[in-house]
PDB file of all heavy atoms in Angstrom:
ATOM      1  N   LYS A   1     -11.851 -28.345   1.056  1.00  0.00           N
ATOM      2  CA  LYS A   1     -13.252 -27.945   1.243  1.00  0.00           C
ATOM      3  C   LYS A   1     -13.841 -27.307  -0.013  1.00  0.00           C
ATOM      4  O   LYS A   1     -14.358 -26.181   0.002  1.00  0.00           O
ATOM      5  CB  LYS A   1     -13.378 -26.988   2.433  1.00  0.00           C
ATOM      6  CG  LYS A   1     -13.027 -27.637   3.761  1.00  0.00           C
ATOM      7  CD  LYS A   1     -13.206 -26.688   4.930  1.00  0.00           C
ATOM      8  CE  LYS A   1     -12.870 -27.370   6.249  1.00  0.00           C
ATOM      9  NZ  LYS A   1     -12.994 -26.455   7.404  1.00  0.00           N
ATOM     10  N   LEU A   2     -13.772 -28.046  -1.107  1.00  0.00           N
ATOM     11  CA  LEU A   2     -14.236 -27.527  -2.388  1.00  0.00           C
ATOM     12  C   LEU A   2     -15.759 -27.538  -2.468  1.00  0.00           C
ATOM     13  O   LEU A   2     -16.393 -28.587  -2.330  1.00  0.00           O
ATOM     14  CB  LEU A   2     -13.654 -28.363  -3.535  1.00  0.00           C
ATOM     15  CG  LEU A   2     -14.113 -27.992  -4.945  1.00  0.00           C
ATOM     16  CD1 LEU A   2     -13.657 -26.594  -5.309  1.00  0.00           C
ATOM     17  CD2 LEU A   2     -13.597 -29.002  -5.960  1.00  0.00           C
ATOM     18  N   ASP A   3     -16.351 -26.373  -2.674  1.00  0.00           N
ATOM     19  CA  ASP A   3     -17.782 -26.222  -2.949  1.00  0.00           C
ATOM     20  C   ASP A   3     -17.921 -25.760  -4.393  1.00  0.00           C
ATOM     21  O   ASP A   3     -17.494 -24.652  -4.737  1.00  0.00           O
ATOM     22  CB  ASP A   3     -18.432 -25.195  -2.024  1.00  0.00           C
ATOM     23  CG  ASP A   3     -18.777 -25.779  -0.667  1.00  0.00           C
ATOM     24  OD1 ASP A   3     -19.320 -26.896  -0.633  1.00  0.00           O
ATOM     25  OD2 ASP A   3     -18.491 -25.133   0.352  1.00  0.00           O
ATOM     26  N   LEU A   4     -18.505 -26.620  -5.228  1.00  0.00           N
ATOM     27  CA  LEU A   4     -18.577 -26.302  -6.650  1.00  0.00           C
ATOM     28  C   LEU A   4     -19.749 -27.052  -7.273  1.00  0.00           C
ATOM     29  O   LEU A   4     -19.941 -28.235  -6.999  1.00  0.00           O
ATOM     30  CB  LEU A   4     -17.266 -26.710  -7.339  1.00  0.00           C
ATOM     31  CG  LEU A   4     -17.134 -26.438  -8.837  1.00  0.00           C
ATOM     32  CD1 LEU A   4     -17.184 -24.937  -9.121  1.00  0.00           C
ATOM     33  CD2 LEU A   4     -15.822 -27.029  -9.353  1.00  0.00           C
ATOM     34  N   GLU A   5     -20.510 -26.364  -8.115  1.00  0.00           N
ATOM     35  CA  GLU A   5     -21.619 -26.996  -8.819  1.00  0.00           C
ATOM     36  C   GLU A   5     -21.421 -26.843 -10.323  1.00  0.00           C
ATOM     37  O   GLU A   5     -21.084 -25.758 -10.800  1.00  0.00           O
ATOM     38  CB  GLU A   5     -22.956 -26.373  -8.398  1.00  0.00           C
ATOM     39  CG  GLU A   5     -23.344 -26.693  -6.959  1.00  0.00           C
ATOM     40  CD  GLU A   5     -24.815 -26.407  -6.675  1.00  0.00           C
ATOM     41  OE1 GLU A   5     -25.571 -26.203  -7.638  1.00  0.00           O
ATOM     42  OE2 GLU A   5     -25.181 -26.405  -5.480  1.00  0.00           O
ATOM     43  N   VAL A   6     -21.621 -27.937 -11.040  1.00  0.00           N
ATOM     44  CA  VAL A   6     -21.538 -27.950 -12.496  1.00  0.00           C
ATOM     45  C   VAL A   6     -22.943 -28.205 -13.017  1.00  0.00           C
ATOM     46  O   VAL A   6     -23.581 -29.193 -12.651  1.00  0.00           O
ATOM     47  CB  VAL A   6     -20.576 -29.043 -13.003  1.00  0.00           C
ATOM     48  CG1 VAL A   6     -20.390 -28.928 -14.515  1.00  0.00           C
ATOM     49  CG2 VAL A   6     -19.231 -28.960 -12.284  1.00  0.00           C
ATOM     50  N   GLY A   7     -23.432 -27.319 -13.868  1.00  0.00           N
ATOM     51  CA  GLY A   7     -24.796 -27.422 -14.347  1.00  0.00           C
ATOM     52  C   GLY A   7     -24.988 -28.543 -15.357  1.00  0.00           C
ATOM     53  O   GLY A   7     -24.040 -29.055 -15.952  1.00  0.00           O
ATOM     54  N   ASP A   8     -26.237 -28.903 -15.566  1.00  0.00           N
ATOM     55  CA  ASP A   8     -26.600 -29.937 -16.533  1.00  0.00           C
ATOM     56  C   ASP A   8     -26.206 -29.487 -17.936  1.00  0.00           C
ATOM     57  O   ASP A   8     -26.653 -28.445 -18.419  1.00  0.00           O
ATOM     58  CB  ASP A   8     -28.111 -30.169 -16.457  1.00  0.00           C
ATOM     59  CG  ASP A   8     -28.559 -31.362 -17.281  1.00  0.00           C
ATOM     60  OD1 ASP A   8     -27.698 -32.081 -17.797  1.00  0.00           O
ATOM     61  OD2 ASP A   8     -29.776 -31.566 -17.402  1.00  0.00           O
ATOM     62  N   GLY A   9     -25.336 -30.247 -18.592  1.00  0.00           N
ATOM     63  CA  GLY A   9     -24.888 -29.911 -19.939  1.00  0.00           C
ATOM     64  C   GLY A   9     -23.807 -28.855 -19.999  1.00  0.00           C
ATOM     65  O   GLY A   9     -23.409 -28.423 -21.086  1.00  0.00           O
ATOM     66  N   GLU A  10     -23.280 -28.443 -18.861  1.00  0.00           N
ATOM     67  CA  GLU A  10     -22.274 -27.378 -18.826  1.00  0.00           C
ATOM     68  C   GLU A  10     -20.881 -27.909 -19.157  1.00  0.00           C
ATOM     69  O   GLU A  10     -20.541 -29.055 -18.871  1.00  0.00           O
ATOM     70  CB  GLU A  10     -22.261 -26.731 -17.438  1.00  0.00           C
ATOM     71  CG  GLU A  10     -21.301 -25.555 -17.330  1.00  0.00           C
ATOM     72  CD  GLU A  10     -21.346 -24.864 -15.973  1.00  0.00           C
ATOM     73  OE1 GLU A  10     -21.840 -25.465 -15.000  1.00  0.00           O
ATOM     74  OE2 GLU A  10     -20.883 -23.716 -15.880  1.00  0.00           O
ATOM     75  N   PHE A  11     -20.071 -27.064 -19.752  1.00  0.00           N
ATOM     76  CA  PHE A  11     -18.651 -27.331 -19.991  1.00  0.00           C
ATOM     77  C   PHE A  11     -17.880 -26.475 -18.982  1.00  0.00           C
ATOM     78  O   PHE A  11     -17.744 -25.271 -19.154  1.00  0.00           O
ATOM     79  CB  PHE A  11     -18.272 -26.940 -21.424  1.00  0.00           C
ATOM     80  CG  PHE A  11     -16.926 -27.476 -21.879  1.00  0.00           C
ATOM     81  CD1 PHE A  11     -16.815 -28.154 -23.084  1.00  0.00           C
ATOM     82  CD2 PHE A  11     -15.777 -27.281 -21.136  1.00  0.00           C
ATOM     83  CE1 PHE A  11     -15.593 -28.648 -23.527  1.00  0.00           C
ATOM     84  CE2 PHE A  11     -14.556 -27.762 -21.559  1.00  0.00           C
ATOM     85  CZ  PHE A  11     -14.451 -28.443 -22.762  1.00  0.00           C
ATOM     86  N   LEU A  12     -17.403 -27.113 -17.907  1.00  0.00           N
ATOM     87  CA  LEU A  12     -16.667 -26.400 -16.863  1.00  0.00           C
ATOM     88  C   LEU A  12     -15.197 -26.747 -16.966  1.00  0.00           C
ATOM     89  O   LEU A  12     -14.825 -27.921 -17.050  1.00  0.00           O
ATOM     90  CB  LEU A  12     -17.174 -26.781 -15.469  1.00  0.00           C
ATOM     91  CG  LEU A  12     -16.434 -26.053 -14.343  1.00  0.00           C
ATOM     92  CD1 LEU A  12     -17.125 -24.745 -14.001  1.00  0.00           C
ATOM     93  CD2 LEU A  12     -16.299 -26.912 -13.101  1.00  0.00           C
ATOM     94  N   VAL A  13     -14.339 -25.738 -16.947  1.00  0.00           N
ATOM     95  CA  VAL A  13     -12.898 -25.944 -17.021  1.00  0.00           C
ATOM     96  C   VAL A  13     -12.268 -25.640 -15.668  1.00  0.00           C
ATOM     97  O   VAL A  13     -12.531 -24.587 -15.072  1.00  0.00           O
ATOM     98  CB  VAL A  13     -12.261 -25.051 -18.101  1.00  0.00           C
ATOM     99  CG1 VAL A  13     -10.759 -25.294 -18.177  1.00  0.00           C
ATOM    100  CG2 VAL A  13     -12.891 -25.330 -19.465  1.00  0.00           C
ATOM    101  N   LEU A  14     -11.447 -26.573 -15.172  1.00  0.00           N
ATOM    102  CA  LEU A  14     -10.642 -26.354 -13.971  1.00  0.00           C
ATOM    103  C   LEU A  14      -9.250 -25.932 -14.416  1.00  0.00           C
ATOM    104  O   LEU A  14      -8.607 -26.641 -15.196  1.00  0.00           O
ATOM    105  CB  LEU A  14     -10.550 -27.637 -13.141  1.00  0.00           C
ATOM    106  CG  LEU A  14     -11.856 -28.247 -12.624  1.00  0.00           C
ATOM    107  CD1 LEU A  14     -11.569 -29.587 -11.954  1.00  0.00           C
ATOM    108  CD2 LEU A  14     -12.531 -27.309 -11.641  1.00  0.00           C
ATOM    109  N   VAL A  15      -8.793 -24.793 -13.922  1.00  0.00           N
ATOM    110  CA  VAL A  15      -7.505 -24.267 -14.371  1.00  0.00           C
ATOM    111  C   VAL A  15      -6.721 -23.750 -13.178  1.00  0.00           C
ATOM    112  O   VAL A  15      -7.289 -23.365 -12.151  1.00  0.00           O
ATOM    113  CB  VAL A  15      -7.723 -23.153 -15.430  1.00  0.00           C
ATOM    114  CG1 VAL A  15      -8.308 -21.903 -14.786  1.00  0.00           C
ATOM    115  CG2 VAL A  15      -6.431 -22.818 -16.166  1.00  0.00           C
ATOM    116  N   GLY A  16      -5.406 -23.748 -13.320  1.00  0.00           N
ATOM    117  CA  GLY A  16      -4.537 -23.258 -12.266  1.00  0.00           C
ATOM    118  C   GLY A  16      -3.126 -23.748 -12.507  1.00  0.00           C
ATOM    119  O   GLY A  16      -2.885 -24.585 -13.392  1.00  0.00           O
ATOM    120  N   PRO A  17      -2.155 -23.267 -11.740  1.00  0.00           N
ATOM    121  CA  PRO A  17      -0.769 -23.692 -11.917  1.00  0.00           C
ATOM    122  C   PRO A  17      -0.568 -25.133 -11.478  1.00  0.00           C
ATOM    123  O   PRO A  17      -1.441 -25.738 -10.830  1.00  0.00           O
ATOM    124  CB  PRO A  17       0.009 -22.716 -11.023  1.00  0.00           C
ATOM    125  CG  PRO A  17      -0.976 -22.302  -9.976  1.00  0.00           C
ATOM    126  CD  PRO A  17      -2.307 -22.275 -10.661  1.00  0.00           C
ATOM    127  N   SER A  18       0.582 -25.696 -11.812  1.00  0.00           N
ATOM    128  CA  SER A  18       0.892 -27.071 -11.408  1.00  0.00           C
ATOM    129  C   SER A  18       0.807 -27.202  -9.899  1.00  0.00           C
ATOM    130  O   SER A  18       1.283 -26.334  -9.156  1.00  0.00           O
ATOM    131  CB  SER A  18       2.301 -27.446 -11.881  1.00  0.00           C
ATOM    132  OG  SER A  18       2.358 -27.442 -13.287  1.00  0.00           O
ATOM    133  N   GLY A  19       0.173 -28.293  -9.436  1.00  0.00           N
ATOM    134  CA  GLY A  19       0.053 -28.533  -8.001  1.00  0.00           C
ATOM    135  C   GLY A  19      -1.090 -27.822  -7.326  1.00  0.00           C
ATOM    136  O   GLY A  19      -1.203 -27.846  -6.093  1.00  0.00           O
ATOM    137  N   CYS A  20      -2.001 -27.210  -8.106  1.00  0.00           N
ATOM    138  CA  CYS A  20      -3.089 -26.436  -7.489  1.00  0.00           C
ATOM    139  C   CYS A  20      -4.253 -27.315  -7.046  1.00  0.00           C
ATOM    140  O   CYS A  20      -5.132 -26.855  -6.324  1.00  0.00           O
ATOM    141  CB  CYS A  20      -3.586 -25.354  -8.442  1.00  0.00           C
ATOM    142  SG  CYS A  20      -4.499 -25.999  -9.865  1.00  0.00           S
ATOM    143  N   GLY A  21      -4.300 -28.578  -7.512  1.00  0.00           N
ATOM    144  CA  GLY A  21      -5.366 -29.477  -7.099  1.00  0.00           C
ATOM    145  C   GLY A  21      -6.401 -29.769  -8.164  1.00  0.00           C
ATOM    146  O   GLY A  21      -7.368 -30.500  -7.914  1.00  0.00           O
ATOM    147  N   LYS A  22      -6.205 -29.264  -9.378  1.00  0.00           N
ATOM    148  CA  LYS A  22      -7.230 -29.448 -10.422  1.00  0.00           C
ATOM    149  C   LYS A  22      -7.352 -30.906 -10.864  1.00  0.00           C
ATOM    150  O   LYS A  22      -8.465 -31.428 -11.008  1.00  0.00           O
ATOM    151  CB  LYS A  22      -6.956 -28.527 -11.615  1.00  0.00           C
ATOM    152  CG  LYS A  22      -5.577 -28.659 -12.252  1.00  0.00           C
ATOM    153  CD  LYS A  22      -5.343 -27.574 -13.292  1.00  0.00           C
ATOM    154  CE  LYS A  22      -3.998 -27.768 -13.985  1.00  0.00           C
ATOM    155  NZ  LYS A  22      -2.842 -27.589 -13.062  1.00  0.00           N
ATOM    156  N   SER A  23      -6.215 -31.587 -11.086  1.00  0.00           N
ATOM    157  CA  SER A  23      -6.284 -32.997 -11.494  1.00  0.00           C
ATOM    158  C   SER A  23      -6.783 -33.875 -10.349  1.00  0.00           C
ATOM    159  O   SER A  23      -7.526 -34.844 -10.572  1.00  0.00           O
ATOM    160  CB  SER A  23      -4.916 -33.493 -11.978  1.00  0.00           C
ATOM    161  OG  SER A  23      -4.595 -32.916 -13.225  1.00  0.00           O
ATOM    162  N   THR A  24      -6.408 -33.533  -9.117  1.00  0.00           N
ATOM    163  CA  THR A  24      -6.912 -34.274  -7.957  1.00  0.00           C
ATOM    164  C   THR A  24      -8.429 -34.139  -7.867  1.00  0.00           C
ATOM    165  O   THR A  24      -9.138 -35.113  -7.582  1.00  0.00           O
ATOM    166  CB  THR A  24      -6.251 -33.761  -6.662  1.00  0.00           C
ATOM    167  OG1 THR A  24      -4.832 -33.924  -6.764  1.00  0.00           O
ATOM    168  CG2 THR A  24      -6.756 -34.520  -5.453  1.00  0.00           C
ATOM    169  N   THR A  25      -8.949 -32.937  -8.121  1.00  0.00           N
ATOM    170  CA  THR A  25     -10.394 -32.717  -8.119  1.00  0.00           C
ATOM    171  C   THR A  25     -11.080 -33.615  -9.139  1.00  0.00           C
ATOM    172  O   THR A  25     -12.103 -34.256  -8.852  1.00  0.00           O
ATOM    173  CB  THR A  25     -10.704 -31.235  -8.429  1.00  0.00           C
ATOM    174  OG1 THR A  25     -10.129 -30.412  -7.411  1.00  0.00           O
ATOM    175  CG2 THR A  25     -12.199 -30.992  -8.506  1.00  0.00           C
ATOM    176  N   LEU A  26     -10.516 -33.683 -10.338  1.00  0.00           N
ATOM    177  CA  LEU A  26     -11.102 -34.519 -11.383  1.00  0.00           C
ATOM    178  C   LEU A  26     -11.052 -35.993 -10.998  1.00  0.00           C
ATOM    179  O   LEU A  26     -12.012 -36.736 -11.202  1.00  0.00           O
ATOM    180  CB  LEU A  26     -10.342 -34.295 -12.700  1.00  0.00           C
ATOM    181  CG  LEU A  26     -11.050 -34.791 -13.962  1.00  0.00           C
ATOM    182  CD1 LEU A  26     -12.179 -33.831 -14.333  1.00  0.00           C
ATOM    183  CD2 LEU A  26     -10.075 -34.911 -15.125  1.00  0.00           C
ATOM    184  N   ARG A  27      -9.931 -36.415 -10.423  1.00  0.00           N
ATOM    185  CA  ARG A  27      -9.773 -37.817 -10.041  1.00  0.00           C
ATOM    186  C   ARG A  27     -10.691 -38.185  -8.862  1.00  0.00           C
ATOM    187  O   ARG A  27     -11.136 -39.319  -8.753  1.00  0.00           O
ATOM    188  CB  ARG A  27      -8.309 -38.103  -9.715  1.00  0.00           C
ATOM    189  CG  ARG A  27      -7.416 -38.061 -10.954  1.00  0.00           C
ATOM    190  CD  ARG A  27      -5.939 -38.159 -10.599  1.00  0.00           C
ATOM    191  NE  ARG A  27      -5.630 -39.451  -9.986  1.00  0.00           N
ATOM    192  CZ  ARG A  27      -5.371 -40.555 -10.665  1.00  0.00           C
ATOM    193  NH1 ARG A  27      -5.400 -40.553 -11.986  1.00  0.00           N
ATOM    194  NH2 ARG A  27      -5.090 -41.685 -10.038  1.00  0.00           N
ATOM    195  N   MET A  28     -10.971 -37.231  -7.984  1.00  0.00           N
ATOM    196  CA  MET A  28     -11.957 -37.467  -6.921  1.00  0.00           C
ATOM    197  C   MET A  28     -13.337 -37.711  -7.520  1.00  0.00           C
ATOM    198  O   MET A  28     -14.072 -38.606  -7.090  1.00  0.00           O
ATOM    199  CB  MET A  28     -11.999 -36.262  -5.969  1.00  0.00           C
ATOM    200  CG  MET A  28     -10.770 -36.112  -5.088  1.00  0.00           C
ATOM    201  SD  MET A  28     -10.637 -34.449  -4.364  1.00  0.00           S
ATOM    202  CE  MET A  28     -12.067 -34.426  -3.274  1.00  0.00           C
ATOM    203  N   LEU A  29     -13.684 -36.916  -8.520  1.00  0.00           N
ATOM    204  CA  LEU A  29     -14.973 -37.093  -9.186  1.00  0.00           C
ATOM    205  C   LEU A  29     -15.028 -38.427  -9.932  1.00  0.00           C
ATOM    206  O   LEU A  29     -16.067 -39.087  -9.969  1.00  0.00           O
ATOM    207  CB  LEU A  29     -15.213 -35.928 -10.156  1.00  0.00           C
ATOM    208  CG  LEU A  29     -16.465 -35.977 -11.027  1.00  0.00           C
ATOM    209  CD1 LEU A  29     -17.724 -36.140 -10.189  1.00  0.00           C
ATOM    210  CD2 LEU A  29     -16.555 -34.706 -11.879  1.00  0.00           C
ATOM    211  N   ALA A  30     -13.886 -38.849 -10.479  1.00  0.00           N
ATOM    212  CA  ALA A  30     -13.839 -40.110 -11.227  1.00  0.00           C
ATOM    213  C   ALA A  30     -13.816 -41.332 -10.316  1.00  0.00           C
ATOM    214  O   ALA A  30     -14.039 -42.453 -10.775  1.00  0.00           O
ATOM    215  CB  ALA A  30     -12.607 -40.120 -12.128  1.00  0.00           C
ATOM    216  N   GLY A  31     -13.507 -41.125  -9.032  1.00  0.00           N
ATOM    217  CA  GLY A  31     -13.383 -42.257  -8.116  1.00  0.00           C
ATOM    218  C   GLY A  31     -11.984 -42.836  -8.073  1.00  0.00           C
ATOM    219  O   GLY A  31     -11.757 -43.908  -7.504  1.00  0.00           O
ATOM    220  N   LEU A  32     -11.015 -42.116  -8.654  1.00  0.00           N
ATOM    221  CA  LEU A  32      -9.620 -42.578  -8.664  1.00  0.00           C
ATOM    222  C   LEU A  32      -8.828 -42.054  -7.471  1.00  0.00           C
ATOM    223  O   LEU A  32      -7.697 -42.473  -7.250  1.00  0.00           O
ATOM    224  CB  LEU A  32      -8.942 -42.139  -9.970  1.00  0.00           C
ATOM    225  CG  LEU A  32      -9.613 -42.641 -11.258  1.00  0.00           C
ATOM    226  CD1 LEU A  32      -8.912 -42.065 -12.476  1.00  0.00           C
ATOM    227  CD2 LEU A  32      -9.609 -44.161 -11.304  1.00  0.00           C
ATOM    228  N   GLU A  33      -9.409 -41.106  -6.743  1.00  0.00           N
ATOM    229  CA  GLU A  33      -8.815 -40.595  -5.498  1.00  0.00           C
ATOM    230  C   GLU A  33      -9.870 -40.640  -4.407  1.00  0.00           C
ATOM    231  O   GLU A  33     -11.051 -40.394  -4.668  1.00  0.00           O
ATOM    232  CB  GLU A  33      -8.327 -39.146  -5.663  1.00  0.00           C
ATOM    233  CG  GLU A  33      -7.141 -38.964  -6.583  1.00  0.00           C
ATOM    234  CD  GLU A  33      -5.830 -39.400  -5.957  1.00  0.00           C
ATOM    235  OE1 GLU A  33      -5.826 -39.759  -4.763  1.00  0.00           O
ATOM    236  OE2 GLU A  33      -4.807 -39.365  -6.660  1.00  0.00           O
ATOM    237  N   ASP A  34      -9.441 -40.947  -3.189  1.00  0.00           N
ATOM    238  CA  ASP A  34     -10.365 -40.950  -2.058  1.00  0.00           C
ATOM    239  C   ASP A  34     -10.801 -39.529  -1.720  1.00  0.00           C
ATOM    240  O   ASP A  34     -10.060 -38.562  -1.940  1.00  0.00           O
ATOM    241  CB  ASP A  34      -9.706 -41.570  -0.827  1.00  0.00           C
ATOM    242  CG  ASP A  34      -9.435 -43.059  -1.005  1.00  0.00           C
ATOM    243  OD1 ASP A  34     -10.171 -43.695  -1.777  1.00  0.00           O
ATOM    244  OD2 ASP A  34      -8.485 -43.574  -0.374  1.00  0.00           O
ATOM    245  N   VAL A  35     -12.000 -39.410  -1.168  1.00  0.00           N
ATOM    246  CA  VAL A  35     -12.491 -38.144  -0.621  1.00  0.00           C
ATOM    247  C   VAL A  35     -12.408 -38.265   0.893  1.00  0.00           C
ATOM    248  O   VAL A  35     -13.120 -39.070   1.503  1.00  0.00           O
ATOM    249  CB  VAL A  35     -13.935 -37.866  -1.075  1.00  0.00           C
ATOM    250  CG1 VAL A  35     -14.436 -36.555  -0.466  1.00  0.00           C
ATOM    251  CG2 VAL A  35     -14.016 -37.818  -2.600  1.00  0.00           C
ATOM    252  N   ASP A  36     -11.522 -37.484   1.521  1.00  0.00           N
ATOM    253  CA  ASP A  36     -11.298 -37.611   2.960  1.00  0.00           C
ATOM    254  C   ASP A  36     -12.387 -36.928   3.777  1.00  0.00           C
ATOM    255  O   ASP A  36     -12.735 -37.385   4.859  1.00  0.00           O
ATOM    256  CB  ASP A  36      -9.929 -37.034   3.327  1.00  0.00           C
ATOM    257  CG  ASP A  36      -8.795 -37.827   2.690  1.00  0.00           C
ATOM    258  OD1 ASP A  36      -8.635 -39.006   3.028  1.00  0.00           O
ATOM    259  OD2 ASP A  36      -8.081 -37.271   1.836  1.00  0.00           O
ATOM    260  N   ASN A  37     -12.880 -35.827   3.263  1.00  0.00           N
ATOM    261  CA  ASN A  37     -13.986 -35.122   3.925  1.00  0.00           C
ATOM    262  C   ASN A  37     -14.919 -34.572   2.855  1.00  0.00           C
ATOM    263  O   ASN A  37     -14.502 -34.320   1.732  1.00  0.00           O
ATOM    264  CB  ASN A  37     -13.464 -33.960   4.794  1.00  0.00           C
ATOM    265  CG  ASN A  37     -12.614 -34.440   5.942  1.00  0.00           C
ATOM    266  OD1 ASN A  37     -13.087 -35.166   6.819  1.00  0.00           O
ATOM    267  ND2 ASN A  37     -11.342 -34.052   5.958  1.00  0.00           N
ATOM    268  N   GLY A  38     -16.185 -34.359   3.242  1.00  0.00           N
ATOM    269  CA  GLY A  38     -17.147 -33.815   2.300  1.00  0.00           C
ATOM    270  C   GLY A  38     -17.749 -34.891   1.420  1.00  0.00           C
ATOM    271  O   GLY A  38     -17.606 -36.092   1.669  1.00  0.00           O
ATOM    272  N   SER A  39     -18.421 -34.454   0.338  1.00  0.00           N
ATOM    273  CA  SER A  39     -19.145 -35.399  -0.509  1.00  0.00           C
ATOM    274  C   SER A  39     -19.206 -34.892  -1.940  1.00  0.00           C
ATOM    275  O   SER A  39     -19.012 -33.706  -2.224  1.00  0.00           O
ATOM    276  CB  SER A  39     -20.555 -35.624   0.039  1.00  0.00           C
ATOM    277  OG  SER A  39     -21.223 -34.390   0.215  1.00  0.00           O
ATOM    278  N   ILE A  40     -19.493 -35.843  -2.851  1.00  0.00           N
ATOM    279  CA  ILE A  40     -19.645 -35.546  -4.272  1.00  0.00           C
ATOM    280  C   ILE A  40     -20.931 -36.189  -4.762  1.00  0.00           C
ATOM    281  O   ILE A  40     -21.231 -37.340  -4.425  1.00  0.00           O
ATOM    282  CB  ILE A  40     -18.442 -36.079  -5.087  1.00  0.00           C
ATOM    283  CG1 ILE A  40     -17.132 -35.417  -4.612  1.00  0.00           C
ATOM    284  CG2 ILE A  40     -18.635 -35.828  -6.582  1.00  0.00           C
ATOM    285  CD1 ILE A  40     -15.891 -35.977  -5.290  1.00  0.00           C
ATOM    286  N   TYR A  41     -21.690 -35.434  -5.567  1.00  0.00           N
ATOM    287  CA  TYR A  41     -22.953 -35.922  -6.108  1.00  0.00           C
ATOM    288  C   TYR A  41     -22.953 -35.805  -7.629  1.00  0.00           C
ATOM    289  O   TYR A  41     -22.441 -34.826  -8.191  1.00  0.00           O
ATOM    290  CB  TYR A  41     -24.137 -35.116  -5.560  1.00  0.00           C
ATOM    291  CG  TYR A  41     -24.364 -35.283  -4.074  1.00  0.00           C
ATOM    292  CD1 TYR A  41     -23.595 -34.580  -3.155  1.00  0.00           C
ATOM    293  CD2 TYR A  41     -25.354 -36.139  -3.597  1.00  0.00           C
ATOM    294  CE1 TYR A  41     -23.795 -34.732  -1.788  1.00  0.00           C
ATOM    295  CE2 TYR A  41     -25.564 -36.285  -2.232  1.00  0.00           C
ATOM    296  CZ  TYR A  41     -24.781 -35.585  -1.332  1.00  0.00           C
ATOM    297  OH  TYR A  41     -24.982 -35.735   0.019  1.00  0.00           O
ATOM    298  N   ILE A  42     -23.506 -36.802  -8.294  1.00  0.00           N
ATOM    299  CA  ILE A  42     -23.841 -36.711  -9.713  1.00  0.00           C
ATOM    300  C   ILE A  42     -25.356 -36.787  -9.776  1.00  0.00           C
ATOM    301  O   ILE A  42     -25.947 -37.784  -9.355  1.00  0.00           O
ATOM    302  CB  ILE A  42     -23.181 -37.830 -10.535  1.00  0.00           C
ATOM    303  CG1 ILE A  42     -21.651 -37.684 -10.492  1.00  0.00           C
ATOM    304  CG2 ILE A  42     -23.680 -37.797 -11.979  1.00  0.00           C
ATOM    305  CD1 ILE A  42     -20.901 -38.770 -11.239  1.00  0.00           C
ATOM    306  N   ASP A  43     -25.968 -35.710 -10.297  1.00  0.00           N
ATOM    307  CA  ASP A  43     -27.393 -35.468 -10.091  1.00  0.00           C
ATOM    308  C   ASP A  43     -27.622 -35.450  -8.572  1.00  0.00           C
ATOM    309  O   ASP A  43     -26.862 -34.829  -7.851  1.00  0.00           O
ATOM    310  CB  ASP A  43     -28.250 -36.506 -10.811  1.00  0.00           C
ATOM    311  CG  ASP A  43     -28.548 -36.052 -12.258  1.00  0.00           C
ATOM    312  OD1 ASP A  43     -28.346 -34.869 -12.551  1.00  0.00           O
ATOM    313  OD2 ASP A  43     -28.965 -36.881 -13.061  1.00  0.00           O
ATOM    314  N   GLU A  44     -28.597 -36.119  -8.085  1.00  0.00           N
ATOM    315  CA  GLU A  44     -28.831 -36.124  -6.634  1.00  0.00           C
ATOM    316  C   GLU A  44     -28.298 -37.393  -5.988  1.00  0.00           C
ATOM    317  O   GLU A  44     -28.550 -37.645  -4.804  1.00  0.00           O
ATOM    318  CB  GLU A  44     -30.332 -35.989  -6.349  1.00  0.00           C
ATOM    319  CG  GLU A  44     -30.935 -34.660  -6.810  1.00  0.00           C
ATOM    320  CD  GLU A  44     -30.210 -33.460  -6.198  1.00  0.00           C
ATOM    321  OE1 GLU A  44     -29.957 -33.468  -4.979  1.00  0.00           O
ATOM    322  OE2 GLU A  44     -29.891 -32.526  -6.956  1.00  0.00           O
TER     323      GLU A  44
END
């Protein structure tokens, strides 16, 4: 249930220990992992 907003032109870093979900989050945004619940938007 990730709620997160990245601003226009922002450099946002996802950090955490191994297995925390940071790479999965990036791959969900890239379309390389399915999103089981919720949604992702680029602009609107």
